[in-house]
PDB file of N, CA and C in Angstrom:
ATOM      1  N   MET A   1     148.447  32.467 141.728  1.00  0.00           N
ATOM      2  CA  MET A   1     147.341  32.091 140.889  1.00  0.00           C
ATOM      3  C   MET A   1     147.458  32.840 139.563  1.00  0.00           C
ATOM      4  N   LEU A   2     147.356  32.082 138.481  1.00  0.00           N
ATOM      5  CA  LEU A   2     147.496  32.624 137.145  1.00  0.00           C
ATOM      6  C   LEU A   2     146.116  32.765 136.512  1.00  0.00           C
ATOM      7  N   ILE A   3     145.800  33.971 136.088  1.00  0.00           N
ATOM      8  CA  ILE A   3     144.513  34.232 135.443  1.00  0.00           C
ATOM      9  C   ILE A   3     144.776  34.406 133.955  1.00  0.00           C
ATOM     10  N   THR A   4     144.119  33.600 133.165  1.00  0.00           N
ATOM     11  CA  THR A   4     144.282  33.720 131.717  1.00  0.00           C
ATOM     12  C   THR A   4     143.018  34.321 131.123  1.00  0.00           C
ATOM     13  N   MET A   5     143.223  35.191 130.177  1.00  0.00           N
ATOM     14  CA  MET A   5     142.088  35.810 129.497  1.00  0.00           C
ATOM     15  C   MET A   5     141.727  34.966 128.277  1.00  0.00           C
ATOM     16  N   LYS A   6     140.498  35.049 127.898  1.00  0.00           N
ATOM     17  CA  LYS A   6     140.033  34.307 126.729  1.00  0.00           C
ATOM     18  C   LYS A   6     140.671  34.898 125.480  1.00  0.00           C
ATOM     19  N   ASN A   7     141.132  34.026 124.633  1.00  0.00           N
ATOM     20  CA  ASN A   7     141.801  34.439 123.415  1.00  0.00           C
ATOM     21  C   ASN A   7     140.761  34.759 122.339  1.00  0.00           C
ATOM     22  N   ASN A   8     140.914  35.875 121.655  1.00  0.00           N
ATOM     23  CA  ASN A   8     139.945  36.288 120.641  1.00  0.00           C
ATOM     24  C   ASN A   8     140.375  35.913 119.229  1.00  0.00           C
ATOM     25  N   LYS A   9     141.323  35.002 119.105  1.00  0.00           N
ATOM     26  CA  LYS A   9     141.751  34.592 117.779  1.00  0.00           C
ATOM     27  C   LYS A   9     140.641  33.790 117.094  1.00  0.00           C
ATOM     28  N   PRO A  10     140.530  33.945 115.785  1.00  0.00           N
ATOM     29  CA  PRO A  10     139.519  33.143 115.078  1.00  0.00           C
ATOM     30  C   PRO A  10     139.936  31.675 115.054  1.00  0.00           C
ATOM     31  N   THR A  11     138.975  30.822 115.174  1.00  0.00           N
ATOM     32  CA  THR A  11     139.244  29.391 115.080  1.00  0.00           C
ATOM     33  C   THR A  11     138.495  28.825 113.889  1.00  0.00           C
ATOM     34  N   ILE A  12     138.986  27.723 113.398  1.00  0.00           N
ATOM     35  CA  ILE A  12     138.349  27.098 112.249  1.00  0.00           C
ATOM     36  C   ILE A  12     136.983  26.521 112.628  1.00  0.00           C
ATOM     37  N   PHE A  13     136.818  26.183 113.911  1.00  0.00           N
ATOM     38  CA  PHE A  13     135.541  25.636 114.366  1.00  0.00           C
ATOM     39  C   PHE A  13     134.411  26.647 114.213  1.00  0.00           C
ATOM     40  N   ASN A  14     134.684  27.922 114.455  1.00  0.00           N
ATOM     41  CA  ASN A  14     133.648  28.958 114.297  1.00  0.00           C
ATOM     42  C   ASN A  14     133.187  29.052 112.842  1.00  0.00           C
ATOM     43  N   GLY A  15     134.111  28.986 111.911  1.00  0.00           N
ATOM     44  CA  GLY A  15     133.739  29.031 110.500  1.00  0.00           C
ATOM     45  C   GLY A  15     132.951  27.817 110.072  1.00  0.00           C
ATOM     46  N   LEU A  16     133.362  26.646 110.550  1.00  0.00           N
ATOM     47  CA  LEU A  16     132.637  25.426 110.214  1.00  0.00           C
ATOM     48  C   LEU A  16     131.242  25.409 110.834  1.00  0.00           C
ATOM     49  N   LYS A  17     131.107  26.044 111.985  1.00  0.00           N
ATOM     50  CA  LYS A  17     129.797  26.139 112.623  1.00  0.00           C
ATOM     51  C   LYS A  17     128.844  26.970 111.762  1.00  0.00           C
ATOM     52  N   TYR A  18     129.334  28.072 111.220  1.00  0.00           N
ATOM     53  CA  TYR A  18     128.496  28.890 110.337  1.00  0.00           C
ATOM     54  C   TYR A  18     128.125  28.118 109.067  1.00  0.00           C
ATOM     55  N   LEU A  19     129.073  27.374 108.511  1.00  0.00           N
ATOM     56  CA  LEU A  19     128.768  26.596 107.312  1.00  0.00           C
ATOM     57  C   LEU A  19     127.758  25.490 107.600  1.00  0.00           C
ATOM     58  N   ALA A  20     127.833  24.907 108.793  1.00  0.00           N
ATOM     59  CA  ALA A  20     126.855  23.874 109.166  1.00  0.00           C
ATOM     60  C   ALA A  20     125.467  24.481 109.352  1.00  0.00           C
ATOM     61  N   ILE A  21     125.409  25.699 109.852  1.00  0.00           N
ATOM     62  CA  ILE A  21     124.119  26.378 110.004  1.00  0.00           C
ATOM     63  C   ILE A  21     123.539  26.720 108.630  1.00  0.00           C
ATOM     64  N   ALA A  22     124.390  27.083 107.679  1.00  0.00           N
ATOM     65  CA  ALA A  22     123.926  27.482 106.351  1.00  0.00           C
ATOM     66  C   ALA A  22     123.486  26.296 105.494  1.00  0.00           C
ATOM     67  N   LEU A  23     123.948  25.102 105.814  1.00  0.00           N
ATOM     68  CA  LEU A  23     123.654  23.939 104.975  1.00  0.00           C
ATOM     69  C   LEU A  23     122.164  23.658 104.797  1.00  0.00           C
ATOM     70  N   PRO A  24     121.338  23.663 105.867  1.00  0.00           N
ATOM     71  CA  PRO A  24     119.900  23.446 105.634  1.00  0.00           C
ATOM     72  C   PRO A  24     119.258  24.552 104.795  1.00  0.00           C
ATOM     73  N   PHE A  25     119.723  25.792 104.971  1.00  0.00           N
ATOM     74  CA  PHE A  25     119.189  26.886 104.169  1.00  0.00           C
ATOM     75  C   PHE A  25     119.503  26.673 102.692  1.00  0.00           C
ATOM     76  N   LEU A  26     120.692  26.151 102.400  1.00  0.00           N
ATOM     77  CA  LEU A  26     121.079  25.915 101.011  1.00  0.00           C
ATOM     78  C   LEU A  26     120.218  24.850 100.350  1.00  0.00           C
ATOM     79  N   PHE A  27     119.696  23.912 101.117  1.00  0.00           N
ATOM     80  CA  PHE A  27     118.821  22.882 100.556  1.00  0.00           C
ATOM     81  C   PHE A  27     117.366  23.343 100.471  1.00  0.00           C
ATOM     82  N   PHE A  28     116.883  24.037 101.490  1.00  0.00           N
ATOM     83  CA  PHE A  28     115.463  24.382 101.539  1.00  0.00           C
ATOM     84  C   PHE A  28     115.091  25.612 100.722  1.00  0.00           C
ATOM     85  N   ALA A  29     116.022  26.535 100.513  1.00  0.00           N
ATOM     86  CA  ALA A  29     115.704  27.761  99.775  1.00  0.00           C
ATOM     87  C   ALA A  29     115.251  27.475  98.340  1.00  0.00           C
ATOM     88  N   PRO A  30     115.954  26.663  97.553  1.00  0.00           N
ATOM     89  CA  PRO A  30     115.455  26.394  96.191  1.00  0.00           C
ATOM     90  C   PRO A  30     114.126  25.644  96.168  1.00  0.00           C
ATOM     91  N   ILE A  31     113.916  24.784  97.155  1.00  0.00           N
ATOM     92  CA  ILE A  31     112.644  24.056  97.223  1.00  0.00           C
ATOM     93  C   ILE A  31     111.491  25.019  97.482  1.00  0.00           C
ATOM     94  N   VAL A  32     111.692  25.927  98.428  1.00  0.00           N
ATOM     95  CA  VAL A  32     110.636  26.893  98.772  1.00  0.00           C
ATOM     96  C   VAL A  32     110.417  27.870  97.627  1.00  0.00           C
ATOM     97  N   ILE A  33     111.475  28.247  96.924  1.00  0.00           N
ATOM     98  CA  ILE A  33     111.313  29.141  95.769  1.00  0.00           C
ATOM     99  C   ILE A  33     110.509  28.446  94.665  1.00  0.00           C
ATOM    100  N   THR A  34     110.772  27.163  94.432  1.00  0.00           N
ATOM    101  CA  THR A  34     110.000  26.415  93.440  1.00  0.00           C
ATOM    102  C   THR A  34     108.533  26.322  93.837  1.00  0.00           C
ATOM    103  N   ILE A  35     108.275  26.046  95.103  1.00  0.00           N
ATOM    104  CA  ILE A  35     106.895  26.025  95.601  1.00  0.00           C
ATOM    105  C   ILE A  35     106.259  27.398  95.425  1.00  0.00           C
ATOM    106  N   GLY A  36     107.037  28.446  95.664  1.00  0.00           N
ATOM    107  CA  GLY A  36     106.522  29.810  95.512  1.00  0.00           C
ATOM    108  C   GLY A  36     106.121  30.132  94.087  1.00  0.00           C
ATOM    109  N   PHE A  37     106.926  29.700  93.109  1.00  0.00           N
ATOM    110  CA  PHE A  37     106.567  29.960  91.716  1.00  0.00           C
ATOM    111  C   PHE A  37     105.333  29.162  91.294  1.00  0.00           C
ATOM    112  N   LYS A  38     105.219  27.935  91.805  1.00  0.00           N
ATOM    113  CA  LYS A  38     104.028  27.144  91.471  1.00  0.00           C
ATOM    114  C   LYS A  38     102.784  27.725  92.136  1.00  0.00           C
ATOM    115  N   ALA A  39     102.925  28.230  93.357  1.00  0.00           N
ATOM    116  CA  ALA A  39     101.790  28.858  94.033  1.00  0.00           C
ATOM    117  C   ALA A  39     101.426  30.179  93.371  1.00  0.00           C
ATOM    118  N   LEU A  40     102.410  30.854  92.818  1.00  0.00           N
ATOM    119  CA  LEU A  40     102.147  32.119  92.137  1.00  0.00           C
ATOM    120  C   LEU A  40     101.304  31.897  90.883  1.00  0.00           C
ATOM    121  N   LYS A  41     101.533  30.796  90.191  1.00  0.00           N
ATOM    122  CA  LYS A  41     100.741  30.486  88.994  1.00  0.00           C
ATOM    123  C   LYS A  41      99.293  30.143  89.351  1.00  0.00           C
ATOM    124  N   LYS A  42      99.104  29.487  90.489  1.00  0.00           N
ATOM    125  CA  LYS A  42      97.761  29.027  90.840  1.00  0.00           C
ATOM    126  C   LYS A  42      96.972  30.029  91.672  1.00  0.00           C
ATOM    127  N   GLY A  43      97.555  30.509  92.744  1.00  0.00           N
ATOM    128  CA  GLY A  43      96.755  31.293  93.672  1.00  0.00           C
ATOM    129  C   GLY A  43      97.156  32.743  93.832  1.00  0.00           C
ATOM    130  N   HIS A  44      98.140  33.195  93.085  1.00  0.00           N
ATOM    131  CA  HIS A  44      98.588  34.584  93.161  1.00  0.00           C
ATOM    132  C   HIS A  44      99.031  34.979  94.573  1.00  0.00           C
ATOM    133  N   THR A  45      99.717  34.086  95.255  1.00  0.00           N
ATOM    134  CA  THR A  45     100.235  34.419  96.571  1.00  0.00           C
ATOM    135  C   THR A  45     101.751  34.509  96.498  1.00  0.00           C
ATOM    136  N   PHE A  46     102.288  35.573  97.041  1.00  0.00           N
ATOM    137  CA  PHE A  46     103.719  35.820  97.005  1.00  0.00           C
ATOM    138  C   PHE A  46     104.435  35.333  98.263  1.00  0.00           C
ATOM    139  N   LEU A  47     103.713  34.774  99.213  1.00  0.00           N
ATOM    140  CA  LEU A  47     104.282  34.432 100.511  1.00  0.00           C
ATOM    141  C   LEU A  47     105.398  33.390 100.402  1.00  0.00           C
ATOM    142  N   TRP A  48     105.167  32.307  99.673  1.00  0.00           N
ATOM    143  CA  TRP A  48     106.187  31.259  99.558  1.00  0.00           C
ATOM    144  C   TRP A  48     107.401  31.743  98.785  1.00  0.00           C
ATOM    145  N   LEU A  49     107.160  32.512  97.760  1.00  0.00           N
ATOM    146  CA  LEU A  49     108.264  33.042  96.964  1.00  0.00           C
ATOM    147  C   LEU A  49     109.109  34.006  97.792  1.00  0.00           C
ATOM    148  N   LEU A  50     108.461  34.864  98.543  1.00  0.00           N
ATOM    149  CA  LEU A  50     109.175  35.804  99.404  1.00  0.00           C
ATOM    150  C   LEU A  50     109.966  35.071 100.475  1.00  0.00           C
ATOM    151  N   LEU A  51     109.366  34.050 101.065  1.00  0.00           N
ATOM    152  CA  LEU A  51     110.060  33.256 102.082  1.00  0.00           C
ATOM    153  C   LEU A  51     111.267  32.543 101.481  1.00  0.00           C
ATOM    154  N   GLY A  52     111.141  32.015 100.287  1.00  0.00           N
ATOM    155  CA  GLY A  52     112.259  31.346  99.622  1.00  0.00           C
ATOM    156  C   GLY A  52     113.400  32.298  99.305  1.00  0.00           C
ATOM    157  N   ILE A  53     113.060  33.499  98.876  1.00  0.00           N
ATOM    158  CA  ILE A  53     114.103  34.489  98.574  1.00  0.00           C
ATOM    159  C   ILE A  53     114.819  34.908  99.851  1.00  0.00           C
ATOM    160  N   ILE A  54     114.078  35.070 100.935  1.00  0.00           N
ATOM    161  CA  ILE A  54     114.700  35.418 102.222  1.00  0.00           C
ATOM    162  C   ILE A  54     115.618  34.289 102.687  1.00  0.00           C
ATOM    163  N   LEU A  55     115.175  33.037 102.534  1.00  0.00           N
ATOM    164  CA  LEU A  55     116.022  31.895 102.897  1.00  0.00           C
ATOM    165  C   LEU A  55     117.284  31.842 102.041  1.00  0.00           C
ATOM    166  N   ALA A  56     117.167  32.150 100.759  1.00  0.00           N
ATOM    167  CA  ALA A  56     118.329  32.127  99.874  1.00  0.00           C
ATOM    168  C   ALA A  56     119.331  33.218 100.249  1.00  0.00           C
ATOM    169  N   ILE A  57     118.829  34.403 100.552  1.00  0.00           N
ATOM    170  CA  ILE A  57     119.718  35.494 100.964  1.00  0.00           C
ATOM    171  C   ILE A  57     120.394  35.158 102.289  1.00  0.00           C
ATOM    172  N   ALA A  58     119.645  34.560 103.210  1.00  0.00           N
ATOM    173  CA  ALA A  58     120.229  34.159 104.488  1.00  0.00           C
ATOM    174  C   ALA A  58     121.293  33.085 104.280  1.00  0.00           C
ATOM    175  N   ALA A  59     121.045  32.145 103.395  1.00  0.00           N
ATOM    176  CA  ALA A  59     122.018  31.087 103.123  1.00  0.00           C
ATOM    177  C   ALA A  59     123.312  31.661 102.556  1.00  0.00           C
ATOM    178  N   MET A  60     123.181  32.593 101.615  1.00  0.00           N
ATOM    179  CA  MET A  60     124.373  33.194 101.026  1.00  0.00           C
ATOM    180  C   MET A  60     125.149  34.021 102.048  1.00  0.00           C
ATOM    181  N   THR A  61     124.439  34.746 102.891  1.00  0.00           N
ATOM    182  CA  THR A  61     125.095  35.575 103.890  1.00  0.00           C
ATOM    183  C   THR A  61     125.818  34.733 104.936  1.00  0.00           C
ATOM    184  N   ILE A  62     125.161  33.717 105.446  1.00  0.00           N
ATOM    185  CA  ILE A  62     125.766  32.871 106.470  1.00  0.00           C
ATOM    186  C   ILE A  62     126.950  32.094 105.883  1.00  0.00           C
ATOM    187  N   THR A  63     126.837  31.644 104.640  1.00  0.00           N
ATOM    188  CA  THR A  63     127.947  30.962 103.991  1.00  0.00           C
ATOM    189  C   THR A  63     129.136  31.891 103.818  1.00  0.00           C
ATOM    190  N   ALA A  64     128.888  33.121 103.412  1.00  0.00           N
ATOM    191  CA  ALA A  64     129.977  34.089 103.243  1.00  0.00           C
ATOM    192  C   ALA A  64     130.667  34.381 104.572  1.00  0.00           C
ATOM    193  N   ILE A  65     129.899  34.514 105.640  1.00  0.00           N
ATOM    194  CA  ILE A  65     130.494  34.754 106.956  1.00  0.00           C
ATOM    195  C   ILE A  65     131.355  33.571 107.375  1.00  0.00           C
ATOM    196  N   GLY A  66     130.870  32.364 107.133  1.00  0.00           N
ATOM    197  CA  GLY A  66     131.648  31.174 107.469  1.00  0.00           C
ATOM    198  C   GLY A  66     132.946  31.085 106.692  1.00  0.00           C
ATOM    199  N   ILE A  67     132.891  31.378 105.399  1.00  0.00           N
ATOM    200  CA  ILE A  67     134.101  31.339 104.578  1.00  0.00           C
ATOM    201  C   ILE A  67     135.081  32.425 105.010  1.00  0.00           C
ATOM    202  N   LEU A  68     134.580  33.603 105.360  1.00  0.00           N
ATOM    203  CA  LEU A  68     135.452  34.666 105.857  1.00  0.00           C
ATOM    204  C   LEU A  68     136.135  34.271 107.157  1.00  0.00           C
ATOM    205  N   LYS A  69     135.407  33.631 108.056  1.00  0.00           N
ATOM    206  CA  LYS A  69     135.997  33.195 109.318  1.00  0.00           C
ATOM    207  C   LYS A  69     137.078  32.138 109.090  1.00  0.00           C
ATOM    208  N   ILE A  70     136.835  31.209 108.175  1.00  0.00           N
ATOM    209  CA  ILE A  70     137.837  30.195 107.879  1.00  0.00           C
ATOM    210  C   ILE A  70     139.067  30.822 107.220  1.00  0.00           C
ATOM    211  N   SER A  71     138.855  31.753 106.302  1.00  0.00           N
ATOM    212  CA  SER A  71     139.996  32.404 105.655  1.00  0.00           C
ATOM    213  C   SER A  71     140.773  33.269 106.647  1.00  0.00           C
ATOM    214  N   ASN A  72     140.087  33.899 107.594  1.00  0.00           N
ATOM    215  CA  ASN A  72     140.798  34.649 108.631  1.00  0.00           C
ATOM    216  C   ASN A  72     141.664  33.718 109.468  1.00  0.00           C
ATOM    217  N   TYR A  73     141.153  32.524 109.754  1.00  0.00           N
ATOM    218  CA  TYR A  73     141.933  31.550 110.515  1.00  0.00           C
ATOM    219  C   TYR A  73     143.161  31.100 109.724  1.00  0.00           C
ATOM    220  N   LEU A  74     142.980  30.853 108.432  1.00  0.00           N
ATOM    221  CA  LEU A  74     144.081  30.328 107.627  1.00  0.00           C
ATOM    222  C   LEU A  74     145.163  31.364 107.351  1.00  0.00           C
ATOM    223  N   PHE A  75     144.770  32.610 107.174  1.00  0.00           N
ATOM    224  CA  PHE A  75     145.728  33.623 106.744  1.00  0.00           C
ATOM    225  C   PHE A  75     146.091  34.622 107.834  1.00  0.00           C
ATOM    226  N   GLU A  76     145.719  34.360 109.065  1.00  0.00           N
ATOM    227  CA  GLU A  76     146.065  35.280 110.138  1.00  0.00           C
ATOM    228  C   GLU A  76     147.539  35.138 110.481  1.00  0.00           C
ATOM    229  N   LYS A  77     148.201  36.272 110.633  1.00  0.00           N
ATOM    230  CA  LYS A  77     149.616  36.256 111.015  1.00  0.00           C
ATOM    231  C   LYS A  77     149.706  36.217 112.527  1.00  0.00           C
ATOM    232  N   ASP A  78     150.571  35.392 113.027  1.00  0.00           N
ATOM    233  CA  ASP A  78     150.750  35.266 114.462  1.00  0.00           C
ATOM    234  C   ASP A  78     151.682  36.368 114.938  1.00  0.00           C
ATOM    235  N   ASN A  79     151.175  37.311 115.720  1.00  0.00           N
ATOM    236  CA  ASN A  79     151.948  38.444 116.183  1.00  0.00           C
ATOM    237  C   ASN A  79     152.494  38.254 117.592  1.00  0.00           C
ATOM    238  N   GLU A  80     152.251  37.111 118.184  1.00  0.00           N
ATOM    239  CA  GLU A  80     152.733  36.866 119.543  1.00  0.00           C
ATOM    240  C   GLU A  80     154.223  36.580 119.502  1.00  0.00           C
ATOM    241  N   LYS A  81     154.918  37.150 120.469  1.00  0.00           N
ATOM    242  CA  LYS A  81     156.340  36.896 120.609  1.00  0.00           C
ATOM    243  C   LYS A  81     156.550  36.093 121.868  1.00  0.00           C
ATOM    244  N   ASP A  82     157.108  34.913 121.706  1.00  0.00           N
ATOM    245  CA  ASP A  82     157.329  34.050 122.879  1.00  0.00           C
ATOM    246  C   ASP A  82     158.729  34.212 123.406  1.00  0.00           C
TER     247      ASP A  82
END
């Protein structure tokens, strides 16, 4: 019986998964920030603006992680000797 261990090599699917997760954040963050600035003019509430900034930071972070995972997949040297 042959037991194989799970391979820890990066795959392109993991990077694309992070980019797919970041896509809604990239669309909703500017919308929420715009709502936040309009609410700031009318009601002096910082909640929408703060939420939009948090969404934007999350979008940038998740996108960067996804791009790093894809670049690790593309530029990883294969050290296995067959």
